Amino acid sequence: MKKSMAILAVLLLFVSTAAPAADFKSDKEKKSYAIGMKIGNDFKSQGLDISPEVLVQGITDTLAENNMRLSDDEARQVITALQQEIMQRRQQQSQELAGKNLEEAEAFLEKNKKAKGVKQTESGLQYIVLQEGKGKMPKATDKVKVHYTGTLLNGEKFDSSYDRGEPATFGVNAVIKGWTEALQLMKEGGKLKIFIPPSIGYGERGAGARIPPNSALVFEVELLEVL
């Protein structure tokens, strides 16, 4: 929010007479229009219901030191209320998405556990043995070197050591619970396809922008070495 307001202030310093689309009289006009597009997209992505004309008037009055229609205290109160409104809306959207994803995860896992070759543990972890290993089995206190690919239920890939061209190394107990459990079912040289419920994955918090809340996760994991 503060970032968008700051950009708007910069915009007013650059803006000259409005030009028709794709008909700019100077590079300054083109830059001004591009900044305006960026600001518009920022506000649109936040779902803000604003009047562009009144918003620009507020900045114009401030820069020109005109008589202000709101005092500084009144403006701060409005902005604080707006920020709270945005936060509440985002929390509600996140909760709705988490509920939807949980229903989809439960429906998928219920059906998937009946598929050929699928085994399920007490925690709800499901797996298919793609290749039996012949080496050591890791303990929770060990470190391992693995190759893996992770996808969402819709097939969207969110991570892959294969794509990076380098195996991953980490502690068995330093990852999500589903991974910790699955690794201890494997032997060196083995490959599993694992299906991780949200409860032993990233749960309601998700993981950044790539793993939404309450997502069931699908991994193909190859245990290369127990370190």
Protein backbone atom coordinates (compact mmCIF):
# COMPACT_ATOMS: atom_id res chain seq x y z
CA MET A 1 0.00 0.00 0.00
CA LYS A 2 2.72 2.48 1.04
CA LYS A 3 4.76 1.45 -1.99
CA SER A 4 1.86 2.19 -4.35
CA MET A 5 1.30 5.61 -2.75
CA ALA A 6 4.99 6.45 -3.14
CA ILE A 7 4.92 5.48 -6.80
CA LEU A 8 1.88 7.70 -7.33
CA ALA A 9 3.75 10.65 -5.90
CA VAL A 10 6.59 10.02 -8.35
CA LEU A 11 4.08 9.77 -11.17
CA LEU A 12 2.74 13.25 -10.50
CA LEU A 13 6.24 14.66 -10.82
CA PHE A 14 6.54 13.21 -14.32
CA VAL A 15 3.04 13.61 -15.69
CA SER A 16 2.38 16.20 -18.38
CA THR A 17 -0.75 16.64 -20.50
CA ALA A 18 -2.45 13.25 -20.99
CA ALA A 19 -1.73 11.70 -24.38
CA PRO A 20 -3.90 9.33 -26.41
CA ALA A 21 -2.96 5.65 -26.32
CA ALA A 22 0.25 4.92 -28.27
CA ASP A 23 0.61 8.64 -29.16
CA PHE A 24 3.24 10.08 -26.84
CA LYS A 25 4.96 13.38 -27.48
CA SER A 26 8.04 12.56 -25.46
CA ASP A 27 9.85 9.79 -23.66
CA LYS A 28 8.74 11.41 -20.40
CA GLU A 29 5.08 10.90 -21.35
CA LYS A 30 5.73 7.26 -22.22
CA LYS A 31 7.48 6.69 -18.86
CA SER A 32 4.64 8.43 -17.05
CA TYR A 33 2.06 6.22 -18.74
CA ALA A 34 4.05 3.05 -17.95
CA ILE A 35 4.24 4.05 -14.28
CA GLY A 36 0.51 4.68 -14.33
CA MET A 37 -0.08 1.17 -15.71
CA LYS A 38 2.04 -0.29 -12.92
CA ILE A 39 0.12 1.63 -10.28
CA GLY A 40 -3.21 0.61 -11.77
CA ASN A 41 -2.21 -3.05 -11.73
CA ASP A 42 -1.03 -2.77 -8.11
CA PHE A 43 -4.36 -1.34 -6.95
CA LYS A 44 -6.33 -3.78 -9.10
CA SER A 45 -4.48 -6.78 -7.64
CA GLN A 46 -5.35 -5.56 -4.14
CA GLY A 47 -9.01 -5.24 -5.08
CA LEU A 48 -9.17 -1.61 -3.96
CA ASP A 49 -12.36 0.27 -4.77
CA ILE A 50 -11.06 3.80 -5.38
CA SER A 51 -11.79 6.85 -7.50
CA PRO A 52 -8.67 7.52 -9.61
CA GLU A 53 -9.65 11.15 -10.14
CA VAL A 54 -10.08 11.85 -6.42
CA LEU A 55 -6.88 9.95 -5.59
CA VAL A 56 -4.87 12.07 -8.03
CA GLN A 57 -6.57 15.20 -6.66
CA GLY A 58 -5.37 14.32 -3.16
CA ILE A 59 -1.78 14.11 -4.38
CA THR A 60 -2.14 17.28 -6.45
CA ASP A 61 -3.49 19.22 -3.47
CA THR A 62 -0.65 17.97 -1.28
CA LEU A 63 2.08 18.89 -3.78
CA ALA A 64 0.50 22.28 -4.48
CA GLU A 65 -0.11 22.90 -0.75
CA ASN A 66 -3.80 23.58 -1.38
CA ASN A 67 -6.45 23.47 1.33
CA MET A 68 -6.79 19.80 2.22
CA ARG A 69 -10.16 18.08 2.47
CA LEU A 70 -8.85 15.78 5.24
CA SER A 71 -6.55 16.54 8.13
CA ASP A 72 -3.40 14.42 8.57
CA ASP A 73 -5.06 12.57 11.47
CA GLU A 74 -8.20 11.87 9.44
CA ALA A 75 -6.14 10.60 6.53
CA ARG A 76 -4.16 8.28 8.81
CA GLN A 77 -7.38 6.86 10.24
CA VAL A 78 -8.76 6.19 6.75
CA ILE A 79 -5.54 4.48 5.62
CA THR A 80 -5.39 2.36 8.79
CA ALA A 81 -8.98 1.23 8.28
CA LEU A 82 -8.24 0.45 4.63
CA GLN A 83 -5.20 -1.64 5.54
CA GLN A 84 -7.27 -3.60 8.07
CA GLU A 85 -9.96 -4.17 5.44
CA ILE A 86 -7.38 -5.51 2.98
CA MET A 87 -5.88 -7.80 5.62
CA GLN A 88 -9.27 -9.18 6.64
CA ARG A 89 -10.21 -9.80 3.00
CA ARG A 90 -6.95 -11.67 2.37
CA GLN A 91 -7.43 -13.79 5.50
CA GLN A 92 -10.94 -14.69 4.39
CA GLN A 93 -9.76 -15.60 0.90
CA SER A 94 -6.96 -17.73 2.36
CA GLN A 95 -9.40 -19.56 4.64
CA GLU A 96 -11.79 -20.22 1.77
CA LEU A 97 -8.95 -21.54 -0.40
CA ALA A 98 -7.67 -23.73 2.44
CA GLY A 99 -11.15 -25.26 2.89
CA LYS A 100 -11.52 -25.94 -0.82
CA ASN A 101 -8.07 -27.49 -1.10
CA LEU A 102 -8.64 -29.70 1.95
CA GLU A 103 -11.84 -31.10 0.44
CA GLU A 104 -10.04 -31.82 -2.84
CA ALA A 105 -7.10 -33.43 -1.02
CA GLU A 106 -9.34 -35.70 1.06
CA ALA A 107 -11.38 -36.76 -1.98
CA PHE A 108 -8.26 -37.52 -4.00
CA LEU A 109 -6.53 -39.50 -1.24
CA GLU A 110 -9.66 -41.51 -0.49
CA LYS A 111 -9.86 -42.59 -4.11
CA ASN A 112 -6.11 -42.96 -4.58
CA LYS A 113 -5.64 -45.40 -1.69
CA LYS A 114 -7.66 -47.94 -3.67
CA ALA A 115 -5.49 -47.63 -6.77
CA LYS A 116 -3.24 -50.50 -7.83
CA GLY A 117 0.08 -50.60 -5.98
CA VAL A 118 -0.77 -47.86 -3.49
CA LYS A 119 0.08 -48.48 0.17
CA GLN A 120 -1.03 -46.25 3.04
CA THR A 121 0.53 -45.76 6.47
CA GLU A 122 -1.18 -44.90 9.74
CA SER A 123 -0.39 -41.18 9.25
CA GLY A 124 -2.22 -41.13 5.90
CA LEU A 125 0.95 -41.11 3.79
CA GLN A 126 0.42 -43.02 0.55
CA TYR A 127 3.17 -44.41 -1.64
CA ILE A 128 3.95 -46.60 -4.62
CA VAL A 129 7.26 -48.44 -4.90
CA LEU A 130 8.73 -47.56 -8.29
CA GLN A 131 12.07 -49.26 -7.67
CA GLU A 132 13.28 -51.32 -4.75
CA GLY A 133 16.52 -50.17 -3.21
CA LYS A 134 19.32 -52.44 -2.01
CA GLY A 135 21.43 -50.16 0.17
CA LYS A 136 21.17 -48.63 3.63
CA MET A 137 17.90 -47.37 5.14
CA PRO A 138 18.12 -43.91 6.70
CA LYS A 139 17.18 -43.10 10.29
CA ALA A 140 15.56 -39.85 11.38
CA THR A 141 18.95 -38.58 12.58
CA ASP A 142 20.72 -39.25 9.26
CA LYS A 143 21.35 -36.98 6.31
CA VAL A 144 20.44 -38.09 2.80
CA LYS A 145 21.14 -37.19 -0.80
CA VAL A 146 18.08 -37.42 -3.04
CA HIS A 147 16.66 -36.50 -6.41
CA TYR A 148 12.98 -35.56 -6.52
CA THR A 149 10.17 -33.84 -8.36
CA GLY A 150 7.18 -32.30 -6.56
CA THR A 151 3.78 -31.50 -8.05
CA LEU A 152 0.33 -30.40 -6.93
CA LEU A 153 -2.73 -32.54 -7.61
CA ASN A 154 -3.35 -30.66 -10.86
CA GLY A 155 0.08 -31.73 -12.11
CA GLU A 156 1.69 -28.31 -11.65
CA LYS A 157 5.37 -28.76 -10.80
CA PHE A 158 6.59 -26.59 -7.94
CA ASP A 159 10.07 -28.00 -7.35
CA SER A 160 12.56 -30.42 -8.92
CA SER A 161 16.16 -31.26 -8.14
CA TYR A 162 16.33 -32.88 -11.58
CA ASP A 163 15.59 -29.52 -13.20
CA ARG A 164 18.33 -27.88 -11.15
CA GLY A 165 20.74 -30.62 -12.24
CA GLU A 166 21.91 -31.28 -8.69
CA PRO A 167 20.69 -33.65 -5.95
CA ALA A 168 19.43 -32.21 -2.68
CA THR A 169 21.09 -32.99 0.65
CA PHE A 170 19.32 -32.51 3.98
CA GLY A 171 18.54 -34.08 7.34
CA VAL A 172 15.77 -36.69 7.36
CA ASN A 173 14.08 -34.92 10.28
CA ALA A 174 14.64 -31.42 8.82
CA VAL A 175 11.78 -31.61 6.28
CA ILE A 176 8.00 -31.94 6.39
CA LYS A 177 6.65 -34.96 8.28
CA GLY A 178 5.52 -36.74 5.12
CA TRP A 179 9.05 -36.65 3.73
CA THR A 180 10.60 -37.76 7.04
CA GLU A 181 8.33 -40.79 7.14
CA ALA A 182 8.72 -41.68 3.47
CA LEU A 183 12.52 -41.55 3.51
CA GLN A 184 12.64 -44.08 6.34
CA LEU A 185 10.66 -46.53 4.18
CA MET A 186 13.37 -46.47 1.51
CA LYS A 187 16.74 -48.04 0.85
CA GLU A 188 19.58 -46.50 -1.15
CA GLY A 189 18.86 -46.85 -4.85
CA GLY A 190 15.11 -47.00 -4.27
CA LYS A 191 12.42 -44.82 -5.79
CA LEU A 192 8.99 -44.01 -4.42
CA LYS A 193 6.03 -42.03 -5.60
CA ILE A 194 4.54 -40.49 -2.47
CA PHE A 195 1.24 -38.73 -1.84
CA ILE A 196 1.37 -36.43 1.18
CA PRO A 197 -1.82 -35.24 2.93
CA PRO A 198 -1.89 -31.61 4.11
CA SER A 199 -1.70 -32.75 7.76
CA ILE A 200 1.85 -34.07 7.24
CA GLY A 201 2.74 -31.55 4.52
CA TYR A 202 2.61 -27.78 4.76
CA GLY A 203 -0.90 -27.68 6.26
CA GLU A 204 -2.95 -24.50 6.43
CA ARG A 205 0.06 -22.22 6.05
CA GLY A 206 1.10 -23.58 2.64
CA ALA A 207 4.58 -22.66 1.38
CA GLY A 208 4.95 -19.33 -0.37
CA ALA A 209 3.14 -18.65 -3.61
CA ARG A 210 3.81 -22.06 -5.15
CA ILE A 211 2.14 -24.34 -2.59
CA PRO A 212 -1.34 -23.13 -1.55
CA PRO A 213 -2.74 -23.85 1.94
CA ASN A 214 -3.94 -27.41 2.62
CA SER A 215 -2.48 -28.78 -0.60
CA ALA A 216 -1.94 -32.52 -1.04
CA LEU A 217 1.51 -33.03 -2.54
CA VAL A 218 2.85 -35.64 -4.95
CA PHE A 219 6.56 -36.45 -5.12
CA GLU A 220 8.73 -38.86 -7.00
CA VAL A 221 11.73 -39.47 -4.76
CA GLU A 222 14.98 -41.27 -5.52
CA LEU A 223 17.20 -42.04 -2.54
CA LEU A 224 20.76 -41.78 -3.80
CA GLU A 225 22.78 -42.04 -0.61
CA VAL A 226 22.54 -42.12 3.16
CA LEU A 227 25.30 -39.85 4.49
